[in-house]
Amino acid sequence: MFGDSFFQKVEKKTNVNKDTIISLASKLQKSDMKDEKVLKDLVQEIGAITGKEVSNEKQEKIVNAILKDNVPKDIDKMF
Protein backbone atom coordinates (compact mmCIF):
# COMPACT_ATOMS: atom_id res chain seq x y z
CA MET A 1 0.00 0.00 0.00
CA PHE A 2 2.76 2.46 0.95
CA GLY A 3 6.03 2.63 -0.93
CA ASP A 4 9.50 2.96 0.48
CA SER A 5 9.43 6.72 -0.15
CA PHE A 6 6.52 7.05 2.30
CA PHE A 7 8.42 5.15 4.99
CA GLN A 8 11.54 7.20 4.31
CA LYS A 9 9.57 10.43 4.79
CA VAL A 10 8.08 9.17 8.04
CA GLU A 11 11.43 7.89 9.31
CA LYS A 12 13.15 11.18 8.46
CA LYS A 13 10.48 13.20 10.27
CA THR A 14 10.00 10.91 13.29
CA ASN A 15 13.20 8.81 13.58
CA VAL A 16 10.96 5.71 13.67
CA ASN A 17 12.03 2.86 11.37
CA LYS A 18 9.85 0.95 8.93
CA ASP A 19 9.64 -2.21 11.08
CA THR A 20 8.37 -0.24 14.07
CA ILE A 21 5.80 1.51 11.88
CA ILE A 22 4.55 -1.80 10.47
CA SER A 23 4.39 -3.34 13.94
CA LEU A 24 2.40 -0.36 15.23
CA ALA A 25 0.07 -0.48 12.21
CA SER A 26 -0.60 -4.15 12.91
CA LYS A 27 -1.44 -3.31 16.52
CA LEU A 28 -3.75 -0.51 15.37
CA GLN A 29 -5.63 -2.88 13.08
CA LYS A 30 -6.33 -5.21 16.01
CA SER A 31 -7.40 -2.41 18.38
CA ASP A 32 -10.85 -1.05 19.13
CA MET A 33 -10.47 2.48 17.81
CA LYS A 34 -13.68 3.57 19.53
CA ASP A 35 -12.41 2.66 23.02
CA GLU A 36 -11.09 5.81 24.71
CA LYS A 37 -8.67 3.91 26.99
CA VAL A 38 -7.20 1.98 24.06
CA LEU A 39 -6.75 5.24 22.14
CA LYS A 40 -5.05 6.96 25.08
CA ASP A 41 -2.68 4.02 25.48
CA LEU A 42 -1.85 4.12 21.76
CA VAL A 43 -1.22 7.88 21.82
CA GLN A 44 1.18 7.42 24.75
CA GLU A 45 2.91 4.52 23.00
CA ILE A 46 3.35 6.54 19.81
CA GLY A 47 4.70 9.44 21.86
CA ALA A 48 7.21 7.12 23.53
CA ILE A 49 8.27 5.60 20.20
CA THR A 50 8.85 9.02 18.66
CA GLY A 51 10.40 10.53 21.79
CA LYS A 52 7.68 13.17 22.02
CA GLU A 53 5.93 14.01 25.26
CA VAL A 54 2.15 14.17 24.84
CA SER A 55 0.41 16.41 27.34
CA ASN A 56 -2.96 15.38 28.75
CA GLU A 57 -4.58 18.24 26.83
CA LYS A 58 -3.03 17.18 23.52
CA GLN A 59 -3.91 13.54 24.24
CA GLU A 60 -7.55 14.50 24.78
CA LYS A 61 -7.61 16.46 21.50
CA ILE A 62 -6.16 13.52 19.58
CA VAL A 63 -8.52 10.98 21.16
CA ASN A 64 -11.55 13.21 20.58
CA ALA A 65 -10.57 13.78 16.95
CA ILE A 66 -10.34 10.03 16.40
CA LEU A 67 -13.62 9.32 18.21
CA LYS A 68 -15.39 12.00 16.15
CA ASP A 69 -13.80 10.65 12.95
CA ASN A 70 -12.04 13.98 12.42
CA VAL A 71 -8.79 12.45 11.12
CA PRO A 72 -7.41 13.24 7.65
CA LYS A 73 -8.16 10.44 5.18
CA ASP A 74 -4.98 10.99 3.14
CA ILE A 75 -2.18 10.18 5.57
CA ASP A 76 0.53 10.84 2.98
CA LYS A 77 -0.40 14.54 2.97
CA MET A 78 0.42 14.72 6.68
CA PHE A 79 4.14 14.28 5.94
PDB file of N, CA and C in Angstrom:
ATOM      1  N   MET A   1       0.823  -1.190   0.000  1.00  0.00           N
ATOM      2  CA  MET A   1       0.000   0.000   0.000  1.00  0.00           C
ATOM      3  C   MET A   1       0.869   1.257   0.000  1.00  0.00           C
ATOM      4  N   PHE A   2       1.861   1.317   0.900  1.00  0.00           N
ATOM      5  CA  PHE A   2       2.763   2.462   0.954  1.00  0.00           C
ATOM      6  C   PHE A   2       4.117   2.045   0.413  1.00  0.00           C
ATOM      7  N   GLY A   3       4.730   2.925  -0.371  1.00  0.00           N
ATOM      8  CA  GLY A   3       6.034   2.633  -0.932  1.00  0.00           C
ATOM      9  C   GLY A   3       7.147   3.013   0.030  1.00  0.00           C
ATOM     10  N   ASP A   4       8.340   2.651  -0.351  1.00  0.00           N
ATOM     11  CA  ASP A   4       9.497   2.965   0.478  1.00  0.00           C
ATOM     12  C   ASP A   4       9.664   4.463   0.683  1.00  0.00           C
ATOM     13  N   SER A   5       9.281   5.270  -0.298  1.00  0.00           N
ATOM     14  CA  SER A   5       9.430   6.721  -0.145  1.00  0.00           C
ATOM     15  C   SER A   5       8.562   7.247   1.001  1.00  0.00           C
ATOM     16  N   PHE A   6       7.383   6.658   1.177  1.00  0.00           N
ATOM     17  CA  PHE A   6       6.519   7.048   2.297  1.00  0.00           C
ATOM     18  C   PHE A   6       7.218   6.751   3.621  1.00  0.00           C
ATOM     19  N   PHE A   7       7.746   5.535   3.748  1.00  0.00           N
ATOM     20  CA  PHE A   7       8.422   5.149   4.990  1.00  0.00           C
ATOM     21  C   PHE A   7       9.673   5.991   5.230  1.00  0.00           C
ATOM     22  N   GLN A   8      10.366   6.355   4.168  1.00  0.00           N
ATOM     23  CA  GLN A   8      11.543   7.201   4.309  1.00  0.00           C
ATOM     24  C   GLN A   8      11.158   8.587   4.815  1.00  0.00           C
ATOM     25  N   LYS A   9      10.048   9.131   4.308  1.00  0.00           N
ATOM     26  CA  LYS A   9       9.573  10.435   4.786  1.00  0.00           C
ATOM     27  C   LYS A   9       9.216  10.370   6.267  1.00  0.00           C
ATOM     28  N   VAL A  10       8.492   9.318   6.644  1.00  0.00           N
ATOM     29  CA  VAL A  10       8.077   9.169   8.042  1.00  0.00           C
ATOM     30  C   VAL A  10       9.302   8.992   8.925  1.00  0.00           C
ATOM     31  N   GLU A  11      10.235   8.137   8.503  1.00  0.00           N
ATOM     32  CA  GLU A  11      11.431   7.888   9.307  1.00  0.00           C
ATOM     33  C   GLU A  11      12.260   9.170   9.467  1.00  0.00           C
ATOM     34  N   LYS A  12      12.384   9.941   8.401  1.00  0.00           N
ATOM     35  CA  LYS A  12      13.147  11.184   8.463  1.00  0.00           C
ATOM     36  C   LYS A  12      12.513  12.173   9.445  1.00  0.00           C
ATOM     37  N   LYS A  13      11.192  12.237   9.422  1.00  0.00           N
ATOM     38  CA  LYS A  13      10.481  13.198  10.268  1.00  0.00           C
ATOM     39  C   LYS A  13      10.377  12.737  11.727  1.00  0.00           C
ATOM     40  N   THR A  14      10.280  11.417  11.950  1.00  0.00           N
ATOM     41  CA  THR A  14      10.003  10.907  13.292  1.00  0.00           C
ATOM     42  C   THR A  14      11.138  10.102  13.914  1.00  0.00           C
ATOM     43  N   ASN A  15      12.125   9.709  13.120  1.00  0.00           N
ATOM     44  CA  ASN A  15      13.196   8.810  13.579  1.00  0.00           C
ATOM     45  C   ASN A  15      12.663   7.444  13.998  1.00  0.00           C
ATOM     46  N   VAL A  16      11.558   7.024  13.402  1.00  0.00           N
ATOM     47  CA  VAL A  16      10.963   5.712  13.666  1.00  0.00           C
ATOM     48  C   VAL A  16      11.144   4.869  12.408  1.00  0.00           C
ATOM     49  N   ASN A  17      11.730   3.669  12.562  1.00  0.00           N
ATOM     50  CA  ASN A  17      12.026   2.863  11.375  1.00  0.00           C
ATOM     51  C   ASN A  17      10.797   2.114  10.850  1.00  0.00           C
ATOM     52  N   LYS A  18      10.943   1.602   9.646  1.00  0.00           N
ATOM     53  CA  LYS A  18       9.852   0.947   8.932  1.00  0.00           C
ATOM     54  C   LYS A  18       9.279  -0.232   9.724  1.00  0.00           C
ATOM     55  N   ASP A  19      10.123  -1.051  10.329  1.00  0.00           N
ATOM     56  CA  ASP A  19       9.637  -2.210  11.083  1.00  0.00           C
ATOM     57  C   ASP A  19       8.765  -1.801  12.264  1.00  0.00           C
ATOM     58  N   THR A  20       9.160  -0.740  12.943  1.00  0.00           N
ATOM     59  CA  THR A  20       8.366  -0.239  14.070  1.00  0.00           C
ATOM     60  C   THR A  20       7.028   0.285  13.584  1.00  0.00           C
ATOM     61  N   ILE A  21       7.034   0.974  12.457  1.00  0.00           N
ATOM     62  CA  ILE A  21       5.798   1.510  11.877  1.00  0.00           C
ATOM     63  C   ILE A  21       4.852   0.370  11.516  1.00  0.00           C
ATOM     64  N   ILE A  22       5.379  -0.654  10.874  1.00  0.00           N
ATOM     65  CA  ILE A  22       4.552  -1.799  10.468  1.00  0.00           C
ATOM     66  C   ILE A  22       4.012  -2.529  11.690  1.00  0.00           C
ATOM     67  N   SER A  23       4.838  -2.686  12.704  1.00  0.00           N
ATOM     68  CA  SER A  23       4.390  -3.335  13.940  1.00  0.00           C
ATOM     69  C   SER A  23       3.268  -2.533  14.597  1.00  0.00           C
ATOM     70  N   LEU A  24       3.430  -1.222  14.641  1.00  0.00           N
ATOM     71  CA  LEU A  24       2.404  -0.362  15.227  1.00  0.00           C
ATOM     72  C   LEU A  24       1.117  -0.407  14.400  1.00  0.00           C
ATOM     73  N   ALA A  25       1.250  -0.407  13.082  1.00  0.00           N
ATOM     74  CA  ALA A  25       0.071  -0.484  12.208  1.00  0.00           C
ATOM     75  C   ALA A  25      -0.688  -1.778  12.448  1.00  0.00           C
ATOM     76  N   SER A  26       0.037  -2.864  12.630  1.00  0.00           N
ATOM     77  CA  SER A  26      -0.604  -4.145  12.907  1.00  0.00           C
ATOM     78  C   SER A  26      -1.382  -4.086  14.221  1.00  0.00           C
ATOM     79  N   LYS A  27      -0.769  -3.465  15.227  1.00  0.00           N
ATOM     80  CA  LYS A  27      -1.443  -3.310  16.521  1.00  0.00           C
ATOM     81  C   LYS A  27      -2.697  -2.445  16.383  1.00  0.00           C
ATOM     82  N   LEU A  28      -2.603  -1.395  15.579  1.00  0.00           N
ATOM     83  CA  LEU A  28      -3.753  -0.512  15.368  1.00  0.00           C
ATOM     84  C   LEU A  28      -4.913  -1.257  14.714  1.00  0.00           C
ATOM     85  N   GLN A  29      -4.594  -2.124  13.765  1.00  0.00           N
ATOM     86  CA  GLN A  29      -5.630  -2.881  13.076  1.00  0.00           C
ATOM     87  C   GLN A  29      -6.386  -3.795  14.027  1.00  0.00           C
ATOM     88  N   LYS A  30      -5.719  -4.263  15.064  1.00  0.00           N
ATOM     89  CA  LYS A  30      -6.326  -5.207  16.007  1.00  0.00           C
ATOM     90  C   LYS A  30      -6.996  -4.498  17.179  1.00  0.00           C
ATOM     91  N   SER A  31      -6.884  -3.175  17.241  1.00  0.00           N
ATOM     92  CA  SER A  31      -7.398  -2.412  18.375  1.00  0.00           C
ATOM     93  C   SER A  31      -8.791  -1.871  18.110  1.00  0.00           C
ATOM     94  N   ASP A  32      -9.531  -1.667  19.201  1.00  0.00           N
ATOM     95  CA  ASP A  32     -10.847  -1.047  19.126  1.00  0.00           C
ATOM     96  C   ASP A  32     -10.647   0.462  19.121  1.00  0.00           C
ATOM     97  N   MET A  33     -10.747   1.060  17.959  1.00  0.00           N
ATOM     98  CA  MET A  33     -10.467   2.480  17.808  1.00  0.00           C
ATOM     99  C   MET A  33     -11.605   3.379  18.302  1.00  0.00           C
ATOM    100  N   LYS A  34     -12.596   2.786  18.924  1.00  0.00           N
ATOM    101  CA  LYS A  34     -13.678   3.567  19.525  1.00  0.00           C
ATOM    102  C   LYS A  34     -13.627   3.469  21.054  1.00  0.00           C
ATOM    103  N   ASP A  35     -12.595   2.807  21.578  1.00  0.00           N
ATOM    104  CA  ASP A  35     -12.408   2.664  23.019  1.00  0.00           C
ATOM    105  C   ASP A  35     -11.424   3.743  23.477  1.00  0.00           C
ATOM    106  N   GLU A  36     -11.900   4.666  24.297  1.00  0.00           N
ATOM    107  CA  GLU A  36     -11.091   5.810  24.714  1.00  0.00           C
ATOM    108  C   GLU A  36      -9.803   5.386  25.428  1.00  0.00           C
ATOM    109  N   LYS A  37      -9.872   4.375  26.277  1.00  0.00           N
ATOM    110  CA  LYS A  37      -8.673   3.913  26.993  1.00  0.00           C
ATOM    111  C   LYS A  37      -7.646   3.343  26.017  1.00  0.00           C
ATOM    112  N   VAL A  38      -8.103   2.554  25.069  1.00  0.00           N
ATOM    113  CA  VAL A  38      -7.202   1.983  24.056  1.00  0.00           C
ATOM    114  C   VAL A  38      -6.531   3.115  23.280  1.00  0.00           C
ATOM    115  N   LEU A  39      -7.300   4.118  22.891  1.00  0.00           N
ATOM    116  CA  LEU A  39      -6.749   5.243  22.139  1.00  0.00           C
ATOM    117  C   LEU A  39      -5.712   6.013  22.957  1.00  0.00           C
ATOM    118  N   LYS A  40      -6.005   6.251  24.227  1.00  0.00           N
ATOM    119  CA  LYS A  40      -5.047   6.959  25.082  1.00  0.00           C
ATOM    120  C   LYS A  40      -3.753   6.167  25.215  1.00  0.00           C
ATOM    121  N   ASP A  41      -3.867   4.868  25.387  1.00  0.00           N
ATOM    122  CA  ASP A  41      -2.676   4.020  25.480  1.00  0.00           C
ATOM    123  C   ASP A  41      -1.862   4.082  24.190  1.00  0.00           C
ATOM    124  N   LEU A  42      -2.543   4.048  23.051  1.00  0.00           N
ATOM    125  CA  LEU A  42      -1.851   4.117  21.757  1.00  0.00           C
ATOM    126  C   LEU A  42      -1.163   5.466  21.558  1.00  0.00           C
ATOM    127  N   VAL A  43      -1.822   6.539  21.950  1.00  0.00           N
ATOM    128  CA  VAL A  43      -1.221   7.875  21.825  1.00  0.00           C
ATOM    129  C   VAL A  43       0.050   7.943  22.670  1.00  0.00           C
ATOM    130  N   GLN A  44      -0.007   7.418  23.888  1.00  0.00           N
ATOM    131  CA  GLN A  44       1.175   7.418  24.750  1.00  0.00           C
ATOM    132  C   GLN A  44       2.288   6.552  24.162  1.00  0.00           C
ATOM    133  N   GLU A  45       1.925   5.406  23.604  1.00  0.00           N
ATOM    134  CA  GLU A  45       2.910   4.522  22.998  1.00  0.00           C
ATOM    135  C   GLU A  45       3.586   5.196  21.804  1.00  0.00           C
ATOM    136  N   ILE A  46       2.790   5.837  20.971  1.00  0.00           N
ATOM    137  CA  ILE A  46       3.355   6.536  19.813  1.00  0.00           C
ATOM    138  C   ILE A  46       4.265   7.671  20.273  1.00  0.00           C
ATOM    139  N   GLY A  47       3.847   8.382  21.304  1.00  0.00           N
ATOM    140  CA  GLY A  47       4.695   9.437  21.862  1.00  0.00           C
ATOM    141  C   GLY A  47       6.026   8.889  22.351  1.00  0.00           C
ATOM    142  N   ALA A  48       5.981   7.749  23.028  1.00  0.00           N
ATOM    143  CA  ALA A  48       7.209   7.124  23.527  1.00  0.00           C
ATOM    144  C   ALA A  48       8.104   6.674  22.376  1.00  0.00           C
ATOM    145  N   ILE A  49       7.505   6.080  21.358  1.00  0.00           N
ATOM    146  CA  ILE A  49       8.272   5.599  20.201  1.00  0.00           C
ATOM    147  C   ILE A  49       8.982   6.753  19.503  1.00  0.00           C
ATOM    148  N   THR A  50       8.292   7.876  19.387  1.00  0.00           N
ATOM    149  CA  THR A  50       8.849   9.021  18.661  1.00  0.00           C
ATOM    150  C   THR A  50       9.661   9.954  19.560  1.00  0.00           C
ATOM    151  N   GLY A  51       9.654   9.682  20.863  1.00  0.00           N
ATOM    152  CA  GLY A  51      10.398  10.529  21.786  1.00  0.00           C
ATOM    153  C   GLY A  51       9.731  11.866  22.043  1.00  0.00           C
ATOM    154  N   LYS A  52       8.433  11.927  21.812  1.00  0.00           N
ATOM    155  CA  LYS A  52       7.676  13.167  22.018  1.00  0.00           C
ATOM    156  C   LYS A  52       6.792  13.021  23.249  1.00  0.00           C
ATOM    157  N   GLU A  53       6.814  14.017  24.114  1.00  0.00           N
ATOM    158  CA  GLU A  53       5.926  14.006  25.264  1.00  0.00           C
ATOM    159  C   GLU A  53       4.560  14.510  24.816  1.00  0.00           C
ATOM    160  N   VAL A  54       3.515  13.796  25.209  1.00  0.00           N
ATOM    161  CA  VAL A  54       2.152  14.166  24.840  1.00  0.00           C
ATOM    162  C   VAL A  54       1.430  14.612  26.113  1.00  0.00           C
ATOM    163  N   SER A  55       1.113  15.892  26.172  1.00  0.00           N
ATOM    164  CA  SER A  55       0.407  16.413  27.341  1.00  0.00           C
ATOM    165  C   SER A  55      -0.995  15.820  27.408  1.00  0.00           C
ATOM    166  N   ASN A  56      -1.591  15.881  28.585  1.00  0.00           N
ATOM    167  CA  ASN A  56      -2.962  15.380  28.748  1.00  0.00           C
ATOM    168  C   ASN A  56      -3.924  16.131  27.832  1.00  0.00           C
ATOM    169  N   GLU A  57      -3.707  17.427  27.687  1.00  0.00           N
ATOM    170  CA  GLU A  57      -4.576  18.244  26.828  1.00  0.00           C
ATOM    171  C   GLU A  57      -4.468  17.796  25.366  1.00  0.00           C
ATOM    172  N   LYS A  58      -3.243  17.609  24.902  1.00  0.00           N
ATOM    173  CA  LYS A  58      -3.033  17.177  23.522  1.00  0.00           C
ATOM    174  C   LYS A  58      -3.583  15.767  23.315  1.00  0.00           C
ATOM    175  N   GLN A  59      -3.390  14.904  24.309  1.00  0.00           N
ATOM    176  CA  GLN A  59      -3.911  13.538  24.237  1.00  0.00           C
ATOM    177  C   GLN A  59      -5.428  13.561  24.089  1.00  0.00           C
ATOM    178  N   GLU A  60      -6.092  14.394  24.860  1.00  0.00           N
ATOM    179  CA  GLU A  60      -7.554  14.502  24.778  1.00  0.00           C
ATOM    180  C   GLU A  60      -7.994  14.982  23.400  1.00  0.00           C
ATOM    181  N   LYS A  61      -7.279  15.953  22.833  1.00  0.00           N
ATOM    182  CA  LYS A  61      -7.614  16.459  21.501  1.00  0.00           C
ATOM    183  C   LYS A  61      -7.467  15.366  20.445  1.00  0.00           C
ATOM    184  N   ILE A  62      -6.396  14.602  20.544  1.00  0.00           N
ATOM    185  CA  ILE A  62      -6.158  13.520  19.582  1.00  0.00           C
ATOM    186  C   ILE A  62      -7.243  12.462  19.700  1.00  0.00           C
ATOM    187  N   VAL A  63      -7.512  12.024  20.924  1.00  0.00           N
ATOM    188  CA  VAL A  63      -8.523  10.984  21.160  1.00  0.00           C
ATOM    189  C   VAL A  63      -9.889  11.460  20.680  1.00  0.00           C
ATOM    190  N   ASN A  64     -10.248  12.684  21.003  1.00  0.00           N
ATOM    191  CA  ASN A  64     -11.553  13.212  20.579  1.00  0.00           C
ATOM    192  C   ASN A  64     -11.647  13.314  19.055  1.00  0.00           C
ATOM    193  N   ALA A  65     -10.563  13.700  18.412  1.00  0.00           N
ATOM    194  CA  ALA A  65     -10.566  13.780  16.947  1.00  0.00           C
ATOM    195  C   ALA A  65     -10.799  12.396  16.344  1.00  0.00           C
ATOM    196  N   ILE A  66     -10.164  11.392  16.907  1.00  0.00           N
ATOM    197  CA  ILE A  66     -10.339  10.027  16.403  1.00  0.00           C
ATOM    198  C   ILE A  66     -11.765   9.545  16.657  1.00  0.00           C
ATOM    199  N   LEU A  67     -12.267   9.774  17.862  1.00  0.00           N
ATOM    200  CA  LEU A  67     -13.621   9.322  18.206  1.00  0.00           C
ATOM    201  C   LEU A  67     -14.684  10.007  17.356  1.00  0.00           C
ATOM    202  N   LYS A  68     -14.431  11.253  16.976  1.00  0.00           N
ATOM    203  CA  LYS A  68     -15.390  11.998  16.153  1.00  0.00           C
ATOM    204  C   LYS A  68     -15.112  11.829  14.667  1.00  0.00           C
ATOM    205  N   ASP A  69     -14.179  10.933  14.341  1.00  0.00           N
ATOM    206  CA  ASP A  69     -13.796  10.652  12.953  1.00  0.00           C
ATOM    207  C   ASP A  69     -13.352  11.925  12.234  1.00  0.00           C
ATOM    208  N   ASN A  70     -12.553  12.717  12.929  1.00  0.00           N
ATOM    209  CA  ASN A  70     -12.039  13.980  12.422  1.00  0.00           C
ATOM    210  C   ASN A  70     -10.571  13.867  12.019  1.00  0.00           C
ATOM    211  N   VAL A  71     -10.179  12.718  11.487  1.00  0.00           N
ATOM    212  CA  VAL A  71      -8.789  12.452  11.124  1.00  0.00           C
ATOM    213  C   VAL A  71      -8.658  12.528   9.609  1.00  0.00           C
ATOM    214  N   PRO A  72      -7.588  13.162   9.111  1.00  0.00           N
ATOM    215  CA  PRO A  72      -7.411  13.240   7.651  1.00  0.00           C
ATOM    216  C   PRO A  72      -7.415  11.851   7.011  1.00  0.00           C
ATOM    217  N   LYS A  73      -8.066  11.726   5.881  1.00  0.00           N
ATOM    218  CA  LYS A  73      -8.155  10.436   5.185  1.00  0.00           C
ATOM    219  C   LYS A  73      -6.896  10.134   4.382  1.00  0.00           C
ATOM    220  N   ASP A  74      -6.183  11.172   3.946  1.00  0.00           N
ATOM    221  CA  ASP A  74      -4.981  10.986   3.140  1.00  0.00           C
ATOM    222  C   ASP A  74      -3.752  11.193   4.025  1.00  0.00           C
ATOM    223  N   ILE A  75      -3.285  10.116   4.632  1.00  0.00           N
ATOM    224  CA  ILE A  75      -2.180  10.185   5.574  1.00  0.00           C
ATOM    225  C   ILE A  75      -0.911  10.726   4.927  1.00  0.00           C
ATOM    226  N   ASP A  76      -0.688  10.399   3.661  1.00  0.00           N
ATOM    227  CA  ASP A  76       0.533  10.835   2.980  1.00  0.00           C
ATOM    228  C   ASP A  76       0.659  12.350   2.968  1.00  0.00           C
ATOM    229  N   LYS A  77      -0.445  13.075   2.979  1.00  0.00           N
ATOM    230  CA  LYS A  77      -0.401  14.537   2.969  1.00  0.00           C
ATOM    231  C   LYS A  77       0.026  15.109   4.321  1.00  0.00           C
ATOM    232  N   MET A  78       0.006  14.266   5.363  1.00  0.00           N
ATOM    233  CA  MET A  78       0.415  14.724   6.683  1.00  0.00           C
ATOM    234  C   MET A  78       1.923  14.893   6.779  1.00  0.00           C
ATOM    235  N   PHE A  79       2.680  14.278   5.860  1.00  0.00           N
ATOM    236  CA  PHE A  79       4.143  14.282   5.945  1.00  0.00           C
ATOM    237  C   PHE A  79       4.763  15.082   4.858  1.00  0.00           C
TER     238      PHE A  79
END
